[in-house]
Amino acid sequence: MEASENQARVILGDLSYFQARRGVSTETERVLANMQWLSRSFEPLVQRIAEEWPDADPVQRYCDFLHNRLLMAQERGSDIDNREAFDKWLAQGGPGIPAAAWEISELSEP
């Protein structure tokens, strides 16, 4: 997979979030969680994205989805699972990440 630095940061953040929700503490648990995230979260969503937007960059659309899942969770005040978030995001037309959000993440680098 090819990804820009910002895209990689967003995707790795999702992987870290997945690990944290499972209470990963050992290297063995981390490896297992990584494989679970890849097969249960990332790959199925990228496939659905490719089906919905065949000409779009699936990595960018995945980042768009993650950004919107975060907004939904903030609005709700609690986590939202990927299935529900994807369906809502799709119903909204699959909005992208506003350019200002990328600028903020660039400014917040150490």
PDB file of N, CA and C in Angstrom:
ATOM      1  N   MET A   1       0.840  -1.166   0.000  1.00  0.00           N
ATOM      2  CA  MET A   1       0.000   0.000   0.000  1.00  0.00           C
ATOM      3  C   MET A   1       0.889   1.234   0.000  1.00  0.00           C
ATOM      4  N   GLU A   2       0.519   2.205  -0.801  1.00  0.00           N
ATOM      5  CA  GLU A   2       1.212   3.483  -0.796  1.00  0.00           C
ATOM      6  C   GLU A   2       0.321   4.509  -0.108  1.00  0.00           C
ATOM      7  N   ALA A   3       0.941   5.305   0.756  1.00  0.00           N
ATOM      8  CA  ALA A   3       0.196   6.323   1.487  1.00  0.00           C
ATOM      9  C   ALA A   3       1.107   7.514   1.739  1.00  0.00           C
ATOM     10  N   SER A   4       0.490   8.692   1.773  1.00  0.00           N
ATOM     11  CA  SER A   4       1.256   9.884   2.132  1.00  0.00           C
ATOM     12  C   SER A   4       1.558   9.835   3.626  1.00  0.00           C
ATOM     13  N   GLU A   5       2.385  10.736   4.070  1.00  0.00           N
ATOM     14  CA  GLU A   5       2.724  10.768   5.495  1.00  0.00           C
ATOM     15  C   GLU A   5       1.483  11.002   6.351  1.00  0.00           C
ATOM     16  N   ASN A   6       0.632  11.941   5.944  1.00  0.00           N
ATOM     17  CA  ASN A   6      -0.585  12.203   6.713  1.00  0.00           C
ATOM     18  C   ASN A   6      -1.527  11.006   6.692  1.00  0.00           C
ATOM     19  N   GLN A   7      -1.667  10.369   5.531  1.00  0.00           N
ATOM     20  CA  GLN A   7      -2.523   9.190   5.445  1.00  0.00           C
ATOM     21  C   GLN A   7      -1.986   8.080   6.343  1.00  0.00           C
ATOM     22  N   ALA A   8      -0.688   7.863   6.306  1.00  0.00           N
ATOM     23  CA  ALA A   8      -0.081   6.827   7.154  1.00  0.00           C
ATOM     24  C   ALA A   8      -0.318   7.130   8.626  1.00  0.00           C
ATOM     25  N   ARG A   9      -0.204   8.384   9.003  1.00  0.00           N
ATOM     26  CA  ARG A   9      -0.429   8.780  10.398  1.00  0.00           C
ATOM     27  C   ARG A   9      -1.868   8.467  10.818  1.00  0.00           C
ATOM     28  N   VAL A  10      -2.824   8.780   9.959  1.00  0.00           N
ATOM     29  CA  VAL A  10      -4.235   8.521  10.261  1.00  0.00           C
ATOM     30  C   VAL A  10      -4.482   7.018  10.378  1.00  0.00           C
ATOM     31  N   ILE A  11      -3.959   6.244   9.439  1.00  0.00           N
ATOM     32  CA  ILE A  11      -4.176   4.798   9.440  1.00  0.00           C
ATOM     33  C   ILE A  11      -3.495   4.144  10.639  1.00  0.00           C
ATOM     34  N   LEU A  12      -2.283   4.554  10.947  1.00  0.00           N
ATOM     35  CA  LEU A  12      -1.602   4.000  12.129  1.00  0.00           C
ATOM     36  C   LEU A  12      -2.327   4.391  13.414  1.00  0.00           C
ATOM     37  N   GLY A  13      -2.937   5.567  13.422  1.00  0.00           N
ATOM     38  CA  GLY A  13      -3.752   5.973  14.567  1.00  0.00           C
ATOM     39  C   GLY A  13      -4.934   5.034  14.755  1.00  0.00           C
ATOM     40  N   ASP A  14      -5.537   4.612  13.641  1.00  0.00           N
ATOM     41  CA  ASP A  14      -6.650   3.664  13.717  1.00  0.00           C
ATOM     42  C   ASP A  14      -6.176   2.317  14.256  1.00  0.00           C
ATOM     43  N   LEU A  15      -5.015   1.881  13.792  1.00  0.00           N
ATOM     44  CA  LEU A  15      -4.447   0.625  14.300  1.00  0.00           C
ATOM     45  C   LEU A  15      -4.164   0.722  15.801  1.00  0.00           C
ATOM     46  N   SER A  16      -3.602   1.822  16.241  1.00  0.00           N
ATOM     47  CA  SER A  16      -3.330   2.022  17.675  1.00  0.00           C
ATOM     48  C   SER A  16      -4.616   2.031  18.487  1.00  0.00           C
ATOM     49  N   TYR A  17      -5.645   2.666  17.945  1.00  0.00           N
ATOM     50  CA  TYR A  17      -6.950   2.704  18.601  1.00  0.00           C
ATOM     51  C   TYR A  17      -7.505   1.282  18.725  1.00  0.00           C
ATOM     52  N   PHE A  18      -7.394   0.496  17.666  1.00  0.00           N
ATOM     53  CA  PHE A  18      -7.855  -0.893  17.669  1.00  0.00           C
ATOM     54  C   PHE A  18      -7.139  -1.682  18.766  1.00  0.00           C
ATOM     55  N   GLN A  19      -5.816  -1.505  18.855  1.00  0.00           N
ATOM     56  CA  GLN A  19      -5.024  -2.202  19.873  1.00  0.00           C
ATOM     57  C   GLN A  19      -5.432  -1.762  21.280  1.00  0.00           C
ATOM     58  N   ALA A  20      -5.609  -0.473  21.469  1.00  0.00           N
ATOM     59  CA  ALA A  20      -5.962   0.054  22.794  1.00  0.00           C
ATOM     60  C   ALA A  20      -7.312  -0.474  23.261  1.00  0.00           C
ATOM     61  N   ARG A  21      -8.272  -0.562  22.356  1.00  0.00           N
ATOM     62  CA  ARG A  21      -9.593  -1.069  22.730  1.00  0.00           C
ATOM     63  C   ARG A  21      -9.532  -2.527  23.152  1.00  0.00           C
ATOM     64  N   ARG A  22      -8.513  -3.239  22.729  1.00  0.00           N
ATOM     65  CA  ARG A  22      -8.360  -4.643  23.092  1.00  0.00           C
ATOM     66  C   ARG A  22      -7.401  -4.850  24.257  1.00  0.00           C
ATOM     67  N   GLY A  23      -6.854  -3.785  24.780  1.00  0.00           N
ATOM     68  CA  GLY A  23      -5.968  -3.890  25.926  1.00  0.00           C
ATOM     69  C   GLY A  23      -4.668  -4.609  25.628  1.00  0.00           C
ATOM     70  N   VAL A  24      -4.148  -4.415  24.435  1.00  0.00           N
ATOM     71  CA  VAL A  24      -2.910  -5.072  24.017  1.00  0.00           C
ATOM     72  C   VAL A  24      -1.759  -4.621  24.905  1.00  0.00           C
ATOM     73  N   SER A  25      -1.009  -5.600  25.430  1.00  0.00           N
ATOM     74  CA  SER A  25       0.119  -5.233  26.292  1.00  0.00           C
ATOM     75  C   SER A  25       1.404  -5.992  25.963  1.00  0.00           C
ATOM     76  N   THR A  26       1.282  -7.129  25.299  1.00  0.00           N
ATOM     77  CA  THR A  26       2.487  -7.889  24.959  1.00  0.00           C
ATOM     78  C   THR A  26       2.721  -7.845  23.455  1.00  0.00           C
ATOM     79  N   GLU A  27       3.933  -8.198  23.062  1.00  0.00           N
ATOM     80  CA  GLU A  27       4.261  -8.220  21.634  1.00  0.00           C
ATOM     81  C   GLU A  27       3.404  -9.239  20.888  1.00  0.00           C
ATOM     82  N   THR A  28       3.165 -10.391  21.500  1.00  0.00           N
ATOM     83  CA  THR A  28       2.319 -11.411  20.877  1.00  0.00           C
ATOM     84  C   THR A  28       0.905 -10.883  20.669  1.00  0.00           C
ATOM     85  N   GLU A  29       0.351 -10.213  21.676  1.00  0.00           N
ATOM     86  CA  GLU A  29      -0.983  -9.621  21.548  1.00  0.00           C
ATOM     87  C   GLU A  29      -0.996  -8.549  20.464  1.00  0.00           C
ATOM     88  N   ARG A  30       0.079  -7.782  20.369  1.00  0.00           N
ATOM     89  CA  ARG A  30       0.173  -6.723  19.364  1.00  0.00           C
ATOM     90  C   ARG A  30       0.148  -7.313  17.946  1.00  0.00           C
ATOM     91  N   VAL A  31       0.922  -8.374  17.737  1.00  0.00           N
ATOM     92  CA  VAL A  31       0.962  -9.023  16.421  1.00  0.00           C
ATOM     93  C   VAL A  31      -0.417  -9.573  16.065  1.00  0.00           C
ATOM     94  N   LEU A  32      -1.059 -10.233  17.018  1.00  0.00           N
ATOM     95  CA  LEU A  32      -2.391 -10.782  16.791  1.00  0.00           C
ATOM     96  C   LEU A  32      -3.392  -9.661  16.495  1.00  0.00           C
ATOM     97  N   ALA A  33      -3.347  -8.593  17.270  1.00  0.00           N
ATOM     98  CA  ALA A  33      -4.249  -7.467  17.053  1.00  0.00           C
ATOM     99  C   ALA A  33      -4.018  -6.832  15.688  1.00  0.00           C
ATOM    100  N   ASN A  34      -2.763  -6.740  15.267  1.00  0.00           N
ATOM    101  CA  ASN A  34      -2.457  -6.180  13.955  1.00  0.00           C
ATOM    102  C   ASN A  34      -3.116  -7.008  12.848  1.00  0.00           C
ATOM    103  N   MET A  35      -3.024  -8.325  12.960  1.00  0.00           N
ATOM    104  CA  MET A  35      -3.623  -9.206  11.957  1.00  0.00           C
ATOM    105  C   MET A  35      -5.150  -9.105  11.989  1.00  0.00           C
ATOM    106  N   GLN A  36      -5.708  -9.007  13.197  1.00  0.00           N
ATOM    107  CA  GLN A  36      -7.161  -8.863  13.312  1.00  0.00           C
ATOM    108  C   GLN A  36      -7.628  -7.546  12.710  1.00  0.00           C
ATOM    109  N   TRP A  37      -6.918  -6.458  13.005  1.00  0.00           N
ATOM    110  CA  TRP A  37      -7.280  -5.148  12.453  1.00  0.00           C
ATOM    111  C   TRP A  37      -7.246  -5.204  10.929  1.00  0.00           C
ATOM    112  N   LEU A  38      -6.190  -5.801  10.383  1.00  0.00           N
ATOM    113  CA  LEU A  38      -6.037  -5.876   8.939  1.00  0.00           C
ATOM    114  C   LEU A  38      -7.184  -6.667   8.306  1.00  0.00           C
ATOM    115  N   SER A  39      -7.501  -7.829   8.868  1.00  0.00           N
ATOM    116  CA  SER A  39      -8.509  -8.701   8.259  1.00  0.00           C
ATOM    117  C   SER A  39      -9.950  -8.342   8.626  1.00  0.00           C
ATOM    118  N   ARG A  40     -10.173  -7.715   9.772  1.00  0.00           N
ATOM    119  CA  ARG A  40     -11.541  -7.416  10.224  1.00  0.00           C
ATOM    120  C   ARG A  40     -11.946  -5.965  10.018  1.00  0.00           C
ATOM    121  N   SER A  41     -10.984  -5.087   9.910  1.00  0.00           N
ATOM    122  CA  SER A  41     -11.298  -3.664   9.821  1.00  0.00           C
ATOM    123  C   SER A  41     -10.818  -3.067   8.505  1.00  0.00           C
ATOM    124  N   PHE A  42      -9.521  -3.010   8.330  1.00  0.00           N
ATOM    125  CA  PHE A  42      -8.948  -2.303   7.192  1.00  0.00           C
ATOM    126  C   PHE A  42      -9.355  -2.906   5.843  1.00  0.00           C
ATOM    127  N   GLU A  43      -9.032  -4.178   5.620  1.00  0.00           N
ATOM    128  CA  GLU A  43      -9.298  -4.787   4.317  1.00  0.00           C
ATOM    129  C   GLU A  43     -10.787  -4.801   3.934  1.00  0.00           C
ATOM    130  N   PRO A  44     -11.704  -5.170   4.844  1.00  0.00           N
ATOM    131  CA  PRO A  44     -13.120  -5.138   4.455  1.00  0.00           C
ATOM    132  C   PRO A  44     -13.608  -3.724   4.108  1.00  0.00           C
ATOM    133  N   LEU A  45     -13.133  -2.735   4.852  1.00  0.00           N
ATOM    134  CA  LEU A  45     -13.570  -1.372   4.559  1.00  0.00           C
ATOM    135  C   LEU A  45     -12.974  -0.857   3.251  1.00  0.00           C
ATOM    136  N   VAL A  46     -11.729  -1.157   3.002  1.00  0.00           N
ATOM    137  CA  VAL A  46     -11.118  -0.745   1.734  1.00  0.00           C
ATOM    138  C   VAL A  46     -11.847  -1.414   0.568  1.00  0.00           C
ATOM    139  N   GLN A  47     -12.244  -2.666   0.742  1.00  0.00           N
ATOM    140  CA  GLN A  47     -12.996  -3.351  -0.306  1.00  0.00           C
ATOM    141  C   GLN A  47     -14.353  -2.681  -0.541  1.00  0.00           C
ATOM    142  N   ARG A  48     -15.052  -2.350   0.537  1.00  0.00           N
ATOM    143  CA  ARG A  48     -16.350  -1.662   0.379  1.00  0.00           C
ATOM    144  C   ARG A  48     -16.163  -0.305  -0.281  1.00  0.00           C
ATOM    145  N   ILE A  49     -15.103   0.387   0.092  1.00  0.00           N
ATOM    146  CA  ILE A  49     -14.807   1.686  -0.510  1.00  0.00           C
ATOM    147  C   ILE A  49     -14.566   1.527  -2.008  1.00  0.00           C
ATOM    148  N   ALA A  50     -13.799   0.518  -2.391  1.00  0.00           N
ATOM    149  CA  ALA A  50     -13.511   0.281  -3.805  1.00  0.00           C
ATOM    150  C   ALA A  50     -14.787  -0.053  -4.582  1.00  0.00           C
ATOM    151  N   GLU A  51     -15.721  -0.726  -3.941  1.00  0.00           N
ATOM    152  CA  GLU A  51     -16.996  -1.032  -4.588  1.00  0.00           C
ATOM    153  C   GLU A  51     -17.839   0.224  -4.777  1.00  0.00           C
ATOM    154  N   GLU A  52     -17.829   1.109  -3.786  1.00  0.00           N
ATOM    155  CA  GLU A  52     -18.635   2.329  -3.841  1.00  0.00           C
ATOM    156  C   GLU A  52     -18.025   3.401  -4.743  1.00  0.00           C
ATOM    157  N   TRP A  53     -16.697   3.518  -4.689  1.00  0.00           N
ATOM    158  CA  TRP A  53     -15.978   4.543  -5.451  1.00  0.00           C
ATOM    159  C   TRP A  53     -14.830   3.884  -6.215  1.00  0.00           C
ATOM    160  N   PRO A  54     -15.137   3.177  -7.309  1.00  0.00           N
ATOM    161  CA  PRO A  54     -14.096   2.411  -7.999  1.00  0.00           C
ATOM    162  C   PRO A  54     -12.944   3.251  -8.549  1.00  0.00           C
ATOM    163  N   ASP A  55     -13.168   4.511  -8.828  1.00  0.00           N
ATOM    164  CA  ASP A  55     -12.112   5.344  -9.402  1.00  0.00           C
ATOM    165  C   ASP A  55     -11.364   6.169  -8.360  1.00  0.00           C
ATOM    166  N   ALA A  56     -11.753   6.060  -7.105  1.00  0.00           N
ATOM    167  CA  ALA A  56     -11.145   6.876  -6.045  1.00  0.00           C
ATOM    168  C   ALA A  56      -9.930   6.176  -5.444  1.00  0.00           C
ATOM    169  N   ASP A  57      -9.093   6.956  -4.791  1.00  0.00           N
ATOM    170  CA  ASP A  57      -7.945   6.417  -4.049  1.00  0.00           C
ATOM    171  C   ASP A  57      -8.486   5.777  -2.769  1.00  0.00           C
ATOM    172  N   PRO A  58      -8.424   4.444  -2.648  1.00  0.00           N
ATOM    173  CA  PRO A  58      -9.025   3.786  -1.480  1.00  0.00           C
ATOM    174  C   PRO A  58      -8.356   4.173  -0.158  1.00  0.00           C
ATOM    175  N   VAL A  59      -7.072   4.480  -0.187  1.00  0.00           N
ATOM    176  CA  VAL A  59      -6.390   4.873   1.045  1.00  0.00           C
ATOM    177  C   VAL A  59      -6.917   6.229   1.514  1.00  0.00           C
ATOM    178  N   GLN A  60      -7.073   7.168   0.597  1.00  0.00           N
ATOM    179  CA  GLN A  60      -7.607   8.474   0.975  1.00  0.00           C
ATOM    180  C   GLN A  60      -9.050   8.361   1.444  1.00  0.00           C
ATOM    181  N   ARG A  61      -9.838   7.543   0.762  1.00  0.00           N
ATOM    182  CA  ARG A  61     -11.240   7.372   1.163  1.00  0.00           C
ATOM    183  C   ARG A  61     -11.319   6.707   2.540  1.00  0.00           C
ATOM    184  N   TYR A  62     -10.396   5.788   2.840  1.00  0.00           N
ATOM    185  CA  TYR A  62     -10.365   5.175   4.171  1.00  0.00           C
ATOM    186  C   TYR A  62     -10.071   6.243   5.225  1.00  0.00           C
ATOM    187  N   CYS A  63      -9.141   7.126   4.924  1.00  0.00           N
ATOM    188  CA  CYS A  63      -8.830   8.233   5.840  1.00  0.00           C
ATOM    189  C   CYS A  63     -10.039   9.150   6.001  1.00  0.00           C
ATOM    190  N   ASP A  64     -10.740   9.406   4.893  1.00  0.00           N
ATOM    191  CA  ASP A  64     -11.967  10.207   4.956  1.00  0.00           C
ATOM    192  C   ASP A  64     -12.977   9.550   5.886  1.00  0.00           C
ATOM    193  N   PHE A  65     -13.130   8.231   5.738  1.00  0.00           N
ATOM    194  CA  PHE A  65     -14.050   7.488   6.599  1.00  0.00           C
ATOM    195  C   PHE A  65     -13.650   7.621   8.070  1.00  0.00           C
ATOM    196  N   LEU A  66     -12.363   7.419   8.361  1.00  0.00           N
ATOM    197  CA  LEU A  66     -11.905   7.499   9.751  1.00  0.00           C
ATOM    198  C   LEU A  66     -12.169   8.878  10.347  1.00  0.00           C
ATOM    199  N   HIS A  67     -11.917   9.917   9.568  1.00  0.00           N
ATOM    200  CA  HIS A  67     -12.170  11.277  10.047  1.00  0.00           C
ATOM    201  C   HIS A  67     -13.657  11.447  10.393  1.00  0.00           C
ATOM    202  N   ASN A  68     -14.512  10.966   9.524  1.00  0.00           N
ATOM    203  CA  ASN A  68     -15.940  11.106   9.762  1.00  0.00           C
ATOM    204  C   ASN A  68     -16.436  10.206  10.883  1.00  0.00           C
ATOM    205  N   ARG A  69     -15.812   9.031  11.061  1.00  0.00           N
ATOM    206  CA  ARG A  69     -16.162   8.179  12.211  1.00  0.00           C
ATOM    207  C   ARG A  69     -15.836   8.903  13.513  1.00  0.00           C
ATOM    208  N   LEU A  70     -14.702   9.578  13.533  1.00  0.00           N
ATOM    209  CA  LEU A  70     -14.324  10.362  14.712  1.00  0.00           C
ATOM    210  C   LEU A  70     -15.353  11.452  14.985  1.00  0.00           C
ATOM    211  N   LEU A  71     -15.769  12.166  13.958  1.00  0.00           N
ATOM    212  CA  LEU A  71     -16.769  13.221  14.139  1.00  0.00           C
ATOM    213  C   LEU A  71     -18.085  12.650  14.674  1.00  0.00           C
ATOM    214  N   MET A  72     -18.495  11.496  14.147  1.00  0.00           N
ATOM    215  CA  MET A  72     -19.727  10.846  14.617  1.00  0.00           C
ATOM    216  C   MET A  72     -19.605  10.451  16.083  1.00  0.00           C
ATOM    217  N   ALA A  73     -18.454   9.902  16.461  1.00  0.00           N
ATOM    218  CA  ALA A  73     -18.242   9.486  17.852  1.00  0.00           C
ATOM    219  C   ALA A  73     -18.239  10.699  18.778  1.00  0.00           C
ATOM    220  N   GLN A  74     -17.622  11.781  18.340  1.00  0.00           N
ATOM    221  CA  GLN A  74     -17.617  13.001  19.158  1.00  0.00           C
ATOM    222  C   GLN A  74     -19.031  13.530  19.336  1.00  0.00           C
ATOM    223  N   GLU A  75     -19.799  13.513  18.270  1.00  0.00           N
ATOM    224  CA  GLU A  75     -21.186  13.990  18.338  1.00  0.00           C
ATOM    225  C   GLU A  75     -22.019  13.120  19.275  1.00  0.00           C
ATOM    226  N   ARG A  76     -21.804  11.813  19.206  1.00  0.00           N
ATOM    227  CA  ARG A  76     -22.544  10.870  20.035  1.00  0.00           C
ATOM    228  C   ARG A  76     -22.054  10.883  21.483  1.00  0.00           C
ATOM    229  N   GLY A  77     -20.766  11.154  21.651  1.00  0.00           N
ATOM    230  CA  GLY A  77     -20.185  11.106  22.989  1.00  0.00           C
ATOM    231  C   GLY A  77     -19.722   9.719  23.377  1.00  0.00           C
ATOM    232  N   SER A  78     -19.609   8.828  22.393  1.00  0.00           N
ATOM    233  CA  SER A  78     -19.127   7.471  22.641  1.00  0.00           C
ATOM    234  C   SER A  78     -18.648   6.864  21.323  1.00  0.00           C
ATOM    235  N   ASP A  79     -17.967   5.717  21.439  1.00  0.00           N
ATOM    236  CA  ASP A  79     -17.477   5.030  20.248  1.00  0.00           C
ATOM    237  C   ASP A  79     -18.617   4.655  19.322  1.00  0.00           C
ATOM    238  N   ILE A  80     -18.273   4.488  18.070  1.00  0.00           N
ATOM    239  CA  ILE A  80     -19.232   4.009  17.073  1.00  0.00           C
ATOM    240  C   ILE A  80     -18.520   2.926  16.269  1.00  0.00           C
ATOM    241  N   ASP A  81     -19.184   1.788  16.087  1.00  0.00           N
ATOM    242  CA  ASP A  81     -18.495   0.698  15.379  1.00  0.00           C
ATOM    243  C   ASP A  81     -18.423   1.005  13.882  1.00  0.00           C
ATOM    244  N   ASN A  82     -17.505   0.319  13.222  1.00  0.00           N
ATOM    245  CA  ASN A  82     -17.239   0.598  11.816  1.00  0.00           C
ATOM    246  C   ASN A  82     -18.447   0.384  10.919  1.00  0.00           C
ATOM    247  N   ARG A  83     -19.213  -0.668  11.160  1.00  0.00           N
ATOM    248  CA  ARG A  83     -20.376  -0.935  10.298  1.00  0.00           C
ATOM    249  C   ARG A  83     -21.366   0.214  10.346  1.00  0.00           C
ATOM    250  N   GLU A  84     -21.733   0.599  11.547  1.00  0.00           N
ATOM    251  CA  GLU A  84     -22.689   1.693  11.697  1.00  0.00           C
ATOM    252  C   GLU A  84     -22.113   2.993  11.138  1.00  0.00           C
ATOM    253  N   ALA A  85     -20.856   3.271  11.460  1.00  0.00           N
ATOM    254  CA  ALA A  85     -20.223   4.498  10.979  1.00  0.00           C
ATOM    255  C   ALA A  85     -20.134   4.515   9.456  1.00  0.00           C
ATOM    256  N   PHE A  86     -19.787   3.375   8.849  1.00  0.00           N
ATOM    257  CA  PHE A  86     -19.662   3.331   7.395  1.00  0.00           C
ATOM    258  C   PHE A  86     -21.021   3.560   6.742  1.00  0.00           C
ATOM    259  N   ASP A  87     -22.050   2.913   7.262  1.00  0.00           N
ATOM    260  CA  ASP A  87     -23.384   3.089   6.691  1.00  0.00           C
ATOM    261  C   ASP A  87     -23.838   4.544   6.781  1.00  0.00           C
ATOM    262  N   LYS A  88     -23.586   5.183   7.905  1.00  0.00           N
ATOM    263  CA  LYS A  88     -23.959   6.597   8.060  1.00  0.00           C
ATOM    264  C   LYS A  88     -23.126   7.487   7.141  1.00  0.00           C
ATOM    265  N   TRP A  89     -21.830   7.193   7.056  1.00  0.00           N
ATOM    266  CA  TRP A  89     -20.942   7.957   6.186  1.00  0.00           C
ATOM    267  C   TRP A  89     -21.385   7.820   4.736  1.00  0.00           C
ATOM    268  N   LEU A  90     -21.711   6.611   4.328  1.00  0.00           N
ATOM    269  CA  LEU A  90     -22.178   6.356   2.975  1.00  0.00           C
ATOM    270  C   LEU A  90     -23.480   7.110   2.707  1.00  0.00           C
ATOM    271  N   ALA A  91     -24.414   7.084   3.665  1.00  0.00           N
ATOM    272  CA  ALA A  91     -25.688   7.797   3.516  1.00  0.00           C
ATOM    273  C   ALA A  91     -25.474   9.306   3.378  1.00  0.00           C
ATOM    274  N   GLN A  92     -24.385   9.805   3.961  1.00  0.00           N
ATOM    275  CA  GLN A  92     -24.058  11.234   3.859  1.00  0.00           C
ATOM    276  C   GLN A  92     -23.326  11.555   2.555  1.00  0.00           C
ATOM    277  N   GLY A  93     -23.079  10.557   1.735  1.00  0.00           N
ATOM    278  CA  GLY A  93     -22.372  10.766   0.481  1.00  0.00           C
ATOM    279  C   GLY A  93     -20.876  10.572   0.575  1.00  0.00           C
ATOM    280  N   GLY A  94     -20.391  10.054   1.706  1.00  0.00           N
ATOM    281  CA  GLY A  94     -18.957   9.795   1.884  1.00  0.00           C
ATOM    282  C   GLY A  94     -18.112  11.051   1.889  1.00  0.00           C
ATOM    283  N   PRO A  95     -18.463  12.006   2.747  1.00  0.00           N
ATOM    284  CA  PRO A  95     -17.695  13.262   2.743  1.00  0.00           C
ATOM    285  C   PRO A  95     -16.210  13.036   3.033  1.00  0.00           C
ATOM    286  N   GLY A  96     -15.391  13.887   2.423  1.00  0.00           N
ATOM    287  CA  GLY A  96     -13.948  13.810   2.608  1.00  0.00           C
ATOM    288  C   GLY A  96     -13.481  14.598   3.805  1.00  0.00           C
ATOM    289  N   ILE A  97     -12.191  14.571   4.015  1.00  0.00           N
ATOM    290  CA  ILE A  97     -11.575  15.343   5.085  1.00  0.00           C
ATOM    291  C   ILE A  97     -11.391  16.762   4.577  1.00  0.00           C
ATOM    292  N   PRO A  98     -11.902  17.754   5.297  1.00  0.00           N
ATOM    293  CA  PRO A  98     -11.678  19.132   4.866  1.00  0.00           C
ATOM    294  C   PRO A  98     -10.188  19.468   4.871  1.00  0.00           C
ATOM    295  N   ALA A  99      -9.774  20.272   3.932  1.00  0.00           N
ATOM    296  CA  ALA A  99      -8.358  20.652   3.828  1.00  0.00           C
ATOM    297  C   ALA A  99      -7.839  21.220   5.143  1.00  0.00           C
ATOM    298  N   ALA A 100      -8.660  21.955   5.858  1.00  0.00           N
ATOM    299  CA  ALA A 100      -8.237  22.551   7.128  1.00  0.00           C
ATOM    300  C   ALA A 100      -7.838  21.485   8.142  1.00  0.00           C
ATOM    301  N   ALA A 101      -8.458  20.317   8.097  1.00  0.00           N
ATOM    302  CA  ALA A 101      -8.103  19.246   9.038  1.00  0.00           C
ATOM    303  C   ALA A 101      -6.687  18.746   8.776  1.00  0.00           C
ATOM    304  N   TRP A 102      -6.281  18.649   7.500  1.00  0.00           N
ATOM    305  CA  TRP A 102      -4.915  18.241   7.171  1.00  0.00           C
ATOM    306  C   TRP A 102      -3.936  19.299   7.647  1.00  0.00           C
ATOM    307  N   GLU A 103      -4.287  20.562   7.465  1.00  0.00           N
ATOM    308  CA  GLU A 103      -3.392  21.649   7.878  1.00  0.00           C
ATOM    309  C   GLU A 103      -3.177  21.622   9.382  1.00  0.00           C
ATOM    310  N   ILE A 104      -4.238  21.361  10.139  1.00  0.00           N
ATOM    311  CA  ILE A 104      -4.113  21.296  11.596  1.00  0.00           C
ATOM    312  C   ILE A 104      -3.187  20.153  11.997  1.00  0.00           C
ATOM    313  N   SER A 105      -3.334  18.990  11.344  1.00  0.00           N
ATOM    314  CA  SER A 105      -2.477  17.856  11.717  1.00  0.00           C
ATOM    315  C   SER A 105      -1.025  18.149  11.381  1.00  0.00           C
ATOM    316  N   GLU A 106      -0.770  18.892  10.311  1.00  0.00           N
ATOM    317  CA  GLU A 106       0.602  19.251   9.971  1.00  0.00           C
ATOM    318  C   GLU A 106       1.192  20.218  10.990  1.00  0.00           C
ATOM    319  N   LEU A 107       0.346  21.130  11.479  1.00  0.00           N
ATOM    320  CA  LEU A 107       0.820  22.101  12.465  1.00  0.00           C
ATOM    321  C   LEU A 107       1.067  21.473  13.811  1.00  0.00           C
ATOM    322  N   SER A 108       0.393  20.376  14.120  1.00  0.00           N
ATOM    323  CA  SER A 108       0.533  19.778  15.438  1.00  0.00           C
ATOM    324  C   SER A 108       1.684  18.793  15.544  1.00  0.00           C
ATOM    325  N   GLU A 109       2.464  18.640  14.470  1.00  0.00           N
ATOM    326  CA  GLU A 109       3.623  17.747  14.544  1.00  0.00           C
ATOM    327  C   GLU A 109       4.629  18.289  15.532  1.00  0.00           C
ATOM    328  N   PRO A 110       5.343  17.389  16.269  1.00  0.00           N
ATOM    329  CA  PRO A 110       6.325  17.853  17.248  1.00  0.00           C
ATOM    330  C   PRO A 110       7.517  18.539  16.607  1.00  0.00           C
TER     331      PRO A 110
END
